[in-house]
Amino acid sequence: MKNEYYQQILVDFFDRIDQFADSEVRSILESSGPELVSKLSELTYAIEVGNYSEAIMLIDEMTEFQILSAYR
């Protein structure tokens, strides 16, 4: 994607994963990666168009999905 916001979010996200995540966390992220990337794309678009209520909902969905992935 040629979206600088999206790219910066991904760079920051993966930098933090490299810094703080252990192998179990990395495994969870790998299995949930496609869904996470899809939601990040939606989040970026919602922010770009100023739909902040949608952005907040997407953040909640991503958080819930990651938590559920951790317990599966």
C-alpha atoms as a PDB file:
ATOM      1  CA  MET A   1       0.000   0.000   0.000  1.00  0.00           C
ATOM      2  CA  LYS A   2       1.208   3.493  -0.737  1.00  0.00           C
ATOM      3  CA  ASN A   3      -0.237   5.001   2.377  1.00  0.00           C
ATOM      4  CA  GLU A   4       2.308   6.605   4.673  1.00  0.00           C
ATOM      5  CA  TYR A   5       0.044   6.356   7.746  1.00  0.00           C
ATOM      6  CA  TYR A   6      -0.524   2.663   7.178  1.00  0.00           C
ATOM      7  CA  GLN A   7       3.166   2.056   6.599  1.00  0.00           C
ATOM      8  CA  GLN A   8       4.161   3.947   9.750  1.00  0.00           C
ATOM      9  CA  ILE A   9       1.616   2.057  11.842  1.00  0.00           C
ATOM     10  CA  LEU A  10       3.018  -1.247  10.577  1.00  0.00           C
ATOM     11  CA  VAL A  11       6.643  -0.220  11.126  1.00  0.00           C
ATOM     12  CA  ASP A  12       5.896   0.909  14.688  1.00  0.00           C
ATOM     13  CA  PHE A  13       3.822  -2.194  15.393  1.00  0.00           C
ATOM     14  CA  PHE A  14       6.471  -4.639  14.197  1.00  0.00           C
ATOM     15  CA  ASP A  15       9.270  -2.722  15.919  1.00  0.00           C
ATOM     16  CA  ARG A  16       7.419  -3.151  19.201  1.00  0.00           C
ATOM     17  CA  ILE A  17       6.801  -6.821  18.519  1.00  0.00           C
ATOM     18  CA  ASP A  18      10.509  -7.346  17.894  1.00  0.00           C
ATOM     19  CA  GLN A  19      11.335  -5.482  21.080  1.00  0.00           C
ATOM     20  CA  PHE A  20       8.819  -6.995  23.498  1.00  0.00           C
ATOM     21  CA  ALA A  21       7.191 -10.182  22.167  1.00  0.00           C
ATOM     22  CA  ASP A  22       8.187 -13.691  23.121  1.00  0.00           C
ATOM     23  CA  SER A  23       7.744 -16.745  20.881  1.00  0.00           C
ATOM     24  CA  GLU A  24       4.190 -17.403  22.113  1.00  0.00           C
ATOM     25  CA  VAL A  25       3.067 -13.863  21.295  1.00  0.00           C
ATOM     26  CA  ARG A  26       4.739 -14.068  17.883  1.00  0.00           C
ATOM     27  CA  SER A  27       2.888 -17.322  17.194  1.00  0.00           C
ATOM     28  CA  ILE A  28      -0.456 -15.702  18.016  1.00  0.00           C
ATOM     29  CA  LEU A  29       0.316 -12.761  15.755  1.00  0.00           C
ATOM     30  CA  GLU A  30       1.381 -15.007  12.895  1.00  0.00           C
ATOM     31  CA  SER A  31      -1.854 -16.982  13.043  1.00  0.00           C
ATOM     32  CA  SER A  32      -4.004 -13.863  13.267  1.00  0.00           C
ATOM     33  CA  GLY A  33      -1.889 -11.760  10.886  1.00  0.00           C
ATOM     34  CA  PRO A  34      -4.179 -11.680   7.822  1.00  0.00           C
ATOM     35  CA  GLU A  35      -7.154 -10.517   9.908  1.00  0.00           C
ATOM     36  CA  LEU A  36      -4.993  -7.934  11.660  1.00  0.00           C
ATOM     37  CA  VAL A  37      -3.663  -6.515   8.379  1.00  0.00           C
ATOM     38  CA  SER A  38      -7.204  -6.297   7.021  1.00  0.00           C
ATOM     39  CA  LYS A  39      -8.418  -4.424  10.099  1.00  0.00           C
ATOM     40  CA  LEU A  40      -5.391  -2.084  10.000  1.00  0.00           C
ATOM     41  CA  SER A  41      -6.283  -1.219   6.407  1.00  0.00           C
ATOM     42  CA  GLU A  42      -9.861  -0.470   7.426  1.00  0.00           C
ATOM     43  CA  LEU A  43      -8.612   1.563  10.393  1.00  0.00           C
ATOM     44  CA  THR A  44      -6.323   3.654   8.209  1.00  0.00           C
ATOM     45  CA  TYR A  45      -9.155   4.395   5.795  1.00  0.00           C
ATOM     46  CA  ALA A  46     -11.542   5.324   8.605  1.00  0.00           C
ATOM     47  CA  ILE A  47      -8.994   7.774   9.999  1.00  0.00           C
ATOM     48  CA  GLU A  48      -8.281   9.251   6.553  1.00  0.00           C
ATOM     49  CA  VAL A  49     -11.941  10.004   5.923  1.00  0.00           C
ATOM     50  CA  GLY A  50     -12.483  11.291   9.451  1.00  0.00           C
ATOM     51  CA  ASN A  51     -14.779   8.491  10.575  1.00  0.00           C
ATOM     52  CA  TYR A  52     -13.421   8.347  14.111  1.00  0.00           C
ATOM     53  CA  SER A  53     -16.295   6.368  15.588  1.00  0.00           C
ATOM     54  CA  GLU A  54     -15.574   3.636  13.015  1.00  0.00           C
ATOM     55  CA  ALA A  55     -11.864   3.840  13.890  1.00  0.00           C
ATOM     56  CA  ILE A  56     -12.609   3.321  17.575  1.00  0.00           C
ATOM     57  CA  MET A  57     -14.873   0.375  16.762  1.00  0.00           C
ATOM     58  CA  LEU A  58     -12.134  -1.191  14.624  1.00  0.00           C
ATOM     59  CA  ILE A  59      -9.569  -0.800  17.401  1.00  0.00           C
ATOM     60  CA  ASP A  60     -11.977  -2.527  19.780  1.00  0.00           C
ATOM     61  CA  GLU A  61     -12.514  -5.338  17.239  1.00  0.00           C
ATOM     62  CA  MET A  62      -8.764  -5.786  16.727  1.00  0.00           C
ATOM     63  CA  THR A  63      -8.136  -5.890  20.462  1.00  0.00           C
ATOM     64  CA  GLU A  64     -10.920  -8.401  21.043  1.00  0.00           C
ATOM     65  CA  PHE A  65      -9.739 -10.562  18.150  1.00  0.00           C
ATOM     66  CA  GLN A  66      -6.170 -10.625  19.451  1.00  0.00           C
ATOM     67  CA  ILE A  67      -7.318 -11.507  22.973  1.00  0.00           C
ATOM     68  CA  LEU A  68      -9.537 -14.306  21.663  1.00  0.00           C
ATOM     69  CA  SER A  69      -6.675 -15.569  19.488  1.00  0.00           C
ATOM     70  CA  ALA A  70      -4.467 -15.789  22.554  1.00  0.00           C
ATOM     71  CA  TYR A  71      -6.919 -18.121  24.299  1.00  0.00           C
ATOM     72  CA  ARG A  72      -7.532 -20.469  21.365  1.00  0.00           C
END
